[in-house]
C-alpha atoms as a PDB file:
ATOM      1  CA  MET A   1      37.261 -70.453   5.932  1.00  0.00           C
ATOM      2  CA  LYS A   2      35.731 -73.931   5.645  1.00  0.00           C
ATOM      3  CA  PHE A   3      38.557 -75.306   7.781  1.00  0.00           C
ATOM      4  CA  ARG A   4      37.766 -72.822  10.572  1.00  0.00           C
ATOM      5  CA  ILE A   5      34.091 -73.735  10.524  1.00  0.00           C
ATOM      6  CA  LYS A   6      34.894 -77.456  10.633  1.00  0.00           C
ATOM      7  CA  LEU A   7      37.396 -76.951  13.431  1.00  0.00           C
ATOM      8  CA  PHE A   8      34.899 -74.889  15.424  1.00  0.00           C
ATOM      9  CA  ALA A   9      32.188 -77.520  14.902  1.00  0.00           C
ATOM     10  CA  ILE A  10      34.503 -80.330  16.005  1.00  0.00           C
ATOM     11  CA  ILE A  11      35.728 -78.502  19.102  1.00  0.00           C
ATOM     12  CA  SER A  12      32.207 -77.400  20.032  1.00  0.00           C
ATOM     13  CA  GLY A  13      30.934 -80.928  19.527  1.00  0.00           C
ATOM     14  CA  ILE A  14      33.511 -82.273  21.960  1.00  0.00           C
ATOM     15  CA  VAL A  15      33.655 -79.539  24.604  1.00  0.00           C
ATOM     16  CA  ILE A  16      29.954 -78.737  25.042  1.00  0.00           C
ATOM     17  CA  PRO A  17      28.843 -82.320  25.818  1.00  0.00           C
ATOM     18  CA  ILE A  18      31.735 -82.771  28.249  1.00  0.00           C
ATOM     19  CA  ASN A  19      30.765 -79.613  30.134  1.00  0.00           C
ATOM     20  CA  SER A  20      27.088 -80.516  30.267  1.00  0.00           C
ATOM     21  CA  ALA A  21      27.565 -84.181  31.146  1.00  0.00           C
ATOM     22  CA  ASN A  22      27.153 -83.424  34.857  1.00  0.00           C
ATOM     23  CA  ALA A  23      24.371 -80.895  34.459  1.00  0.00           C
ATOM     24  CA  PHE A  24      22.341 -82.500  37.275  1.00  0.00           C
ATOM     25  CA  SER A  25      23.433 -83.888  40.583  1.00  0.00           C
ATOM     26  CA  GLU A  26      22.325 -87.369  41.551  1.00  0.00           C
ATOM     27  CA  ALA A  27      19.739 -85.926  43.956  1.00  0.00           C
ATOM     28  CA  GLU A  28      18.311 -83.679  41.225  1.00  0.00           C
ATOM     29  CA  TYR A  29      18.147 -86.623  38.857  1.00  0.00           C
ATOM     30  CA  ASP A  30      16.371 -88.751  41.494  1.00  0.00           C
ATOM     31  CA  PHE A  31      13.922 -85.919  42.214  1.00  0.00           C
ATOM     32  CA  GLY A  32      13.074 -85.582  38.522  1.00  0.00           C
ATOM     33  CA  PHE A  33      12.822 -89.330  38.038  1.00  0.00           C
ATOM     34  CA  TYR A  34      10.405 -89.915  40.914  1.00  0.00           C
ATOM     35  CA  TRP A  35       8.345 -86.779  40.275  1.00  0.00           C
ATOM     36  CA  GLY A  36       8.080 -87.658  36.579  1.00  0.00           C
ATOM     37  CA  SER A  37       7.157 -91.252  37.407  1.00  0.00           C
ATOM     38  CA  LEU A  38       4.398 -90.054  39.749  1.00  0.00           C
ATOM     39  CA  ASN A  39       2.968 -87.876  37.006  1.00  0.00           C
ATOM     40  CA  ALA A  40       3.174 -90.688  34.444  1.00  0.00           C
ATOM     41  CA  ILE A  41       1.291 -93.101  36.716  1.00  0.00           C
ATOM     42  CA  CYS A  42      -1.233 -90.388  37.507  1.00  0.00           C
ATOM     43  CA  GLY A  43      -1.754 -89.737  33.794  1.00  0.00           C
ATOM     44  CA  ALA A  44      -2.337 -93.426  33.154  1.00  0.00           C
ATOM     45  CA  TYR A  45      -4.832 -93.522  36.038  1.00  0.00           C
ATOM     46  CA  MET A  46      -6.609 -90.454  34.695  1.00  0.00           C
ATOM     47  CA  ILE A  47      -7.302 -92.134  31.345  1.00  0.00           C
ATOM     48  CA  ASP A  48      -8.340 -95.388  33.089  1.00  0.00           C
ATOM     49  CA  ALA A  49      -5.348 -97.317  31.788  1.00  0.00           C
ATOM     50  CA  ILE A  50      -4.724 -98.720  35.292  1.00  0.00           C
ATOM     51  CA  SER A  51      -7.056 -99.537  38.174  1.00  0.00           C
ATOM     52  CA  ASP A  52      -7.422 -97.597  41.432  1.00  0.00           C
ATOM     53  CA  ARG A  53      -5.700-100.392  43.327  1.00  0.00           C
ATOM     54  CA  ASP A  54      -2.721-100.618  40.971  1.00  0.00           C
ATOM     55  CA  ALA A  55      -2.334 -96.848  40.721  1.00  0.00           C
ATOM     56  CA  GLY A  56      -2.452 -96.469  44.505  1.00  0.00           C
ATOM     57  CA  MET A  57       0.122 -99.221  44.995  1.00  0.00           C
ATOM     58  CA  MET A  58       2.481 -97.733  42.394  1.00  0.00           C
ATOM     59  CA  LEU A  59       2.083 -94.142  43.603  1.00  0.00           C
ATOM     60  CA  ASN A  60       2.717 -95.082  47.232  1.00  0.00           C
ATOM     61  CA  SER A  61       5.714 -97.192  46.226  1.00  0.00           C
ATOM     62  CA  LEU A  62       7.169 -94.280  44.244  1.00  0.00           C
ATOM     63  CA  VAL A  63       6.684 -91.876  47.151  1.00  0.00           C
ATOM     64  CA  LYS A  64       8.373 -94.325  49.510  1.00  0.00           C
ATOM     65  CA  MET A  65      11.280 -94.988  47.124  1.00  0.00           C
ATOM     66  CA  GLY A  66      11.628 -91.274  46.371  1.00  0.00           C
ATOM     67  CA  ASN A  67      11.989 -90.511  50.064  1.00  0.00           C
ATOM     68  CA  GLU A  68      14.635 -93.207  50.384  1.00  0.00           C
ATOM     69  CA  GLU A  69      16.602 -92.297  47.246  1.00  0.00           C
ATOM     70  CA  ILE A  70      16.539 -88.484  47.221  1.00  0.00           C
ATOM     71  CA  LYS A  71      19.499 -87.599  49.432  1.00  0.00           C
ATOM     72  CA  ASP A  72      19.271 -83.790  49.342  1.00  0.00           C
ATOM     73  CA  SER A  73      16.975 -82.642  52.178  1.00  0.00           C
ATOM     74  CA  LYS A  74      15.706 -79.575  50.268  1.00  0.00           C
ATOM     75  CA  LEU A  75      14.753 -81.678  47.250  1.00  0.00           C
ATOM     76  CA  LYS A  76      13.195 -84.336  49.483  1.00  0.00           C
ATOM     77  CA  ASN A  77      11.092 -81.659  51.229  1.00  0.00           C
ATOM     78  CA  ARG A  78      10.116 -80.202  47.846  1.00  0.00           C
ATOM     79  CA  PHE A  79       9.156 -83.666  46.594  1.00  0.00           C
ATOM     80  CA  ASN A  80       6.928 -84.304  49.626  1.00  0.00           C
ATOM     81  CA  TYR A  81       5.428 -80.822  49.388  1.00  0.00           C
ATOM     82  CA  LEU A  82       4.519 -81.383  45.744  1.00  0.00           C
ATOM     83  CA  VAL A  83       3.068 -84.823  46.497  1.00  0.00           C
ATOM     84  CA  LYS A  84       0.739 -83.239  49.066  1.00  0.00           C
ATOM     85  CA  THR A  85      -0.170 -79.979  47.322  1.00  0.00           C
ATOM     86  CA  ASP A  86       0.179 -80.365  43.536  1.00  0.00           C
ATOM     87  CA  LYS A  87      -2.978 -79.182  41.776  1.00  0.00           C
ATOM     88  CA  ASN A  88      -2.642 -81.660  38.904  1.00  0.00           C
ATOM     89  CA  LEU A  89      -2.481 -84.639  41.265  1.00  0.00           C
ATOM     90  CA  LYS A  90      -5.628 -83.354  42.981  1.00  0.00           C
ATOM     91  CA  LYS A  91      -7.391 -82.547  39.711  1.00  0.00           C
ATOM     92  CA  GLU A  92      -6.700 -85.988  38.255  1.00  0.00           C
ATOM     93  CA  GLY A  93      -7.802 -87.737  41.468  1.00  0.00           C
ATOM     94  CA  CYS A  94      -4.384 -89.179  42.306  1.00  0.00           C
ATOM     95  CA  SER A  95      -3.907 -87.361  45.588  1.00  0.00           C
ATOM     96  CA  LYS A  96      -6.674 -89.440  47.190  1.00  0.00           C
ATOM     97  CA  LEU A  97      -4.714 -92.620  46.369  1.00  0.00           C
ATOM     98  CA  ILE A  98      -1.496 -91.487  48.096  1.00  0.00           C
ATOM     99  CA  LYS A  99      -1.388 -92.316  51.783  1.00  0.00           C
END
């Protein structure tokens, strides 16, 4: 019985990571990276960890790079839609910094 449990654990430990290694496409990864980075910069701006000027420069750079790097048109449109309409960006005052 112990052998079966060990064998199952070993096989599961090898097969599951291999199957989930490509869980996201490159475009999905890029979308998540740039959207997460925008929110991180916005959070730092909200607690006054960075200045208006620095936050604006970083946010605009991330939007520009996101539009260049996200290859999937649906994800790129979603990214730009969220940049323009996200309630948290508006609430934290970041939307006014994005041109």
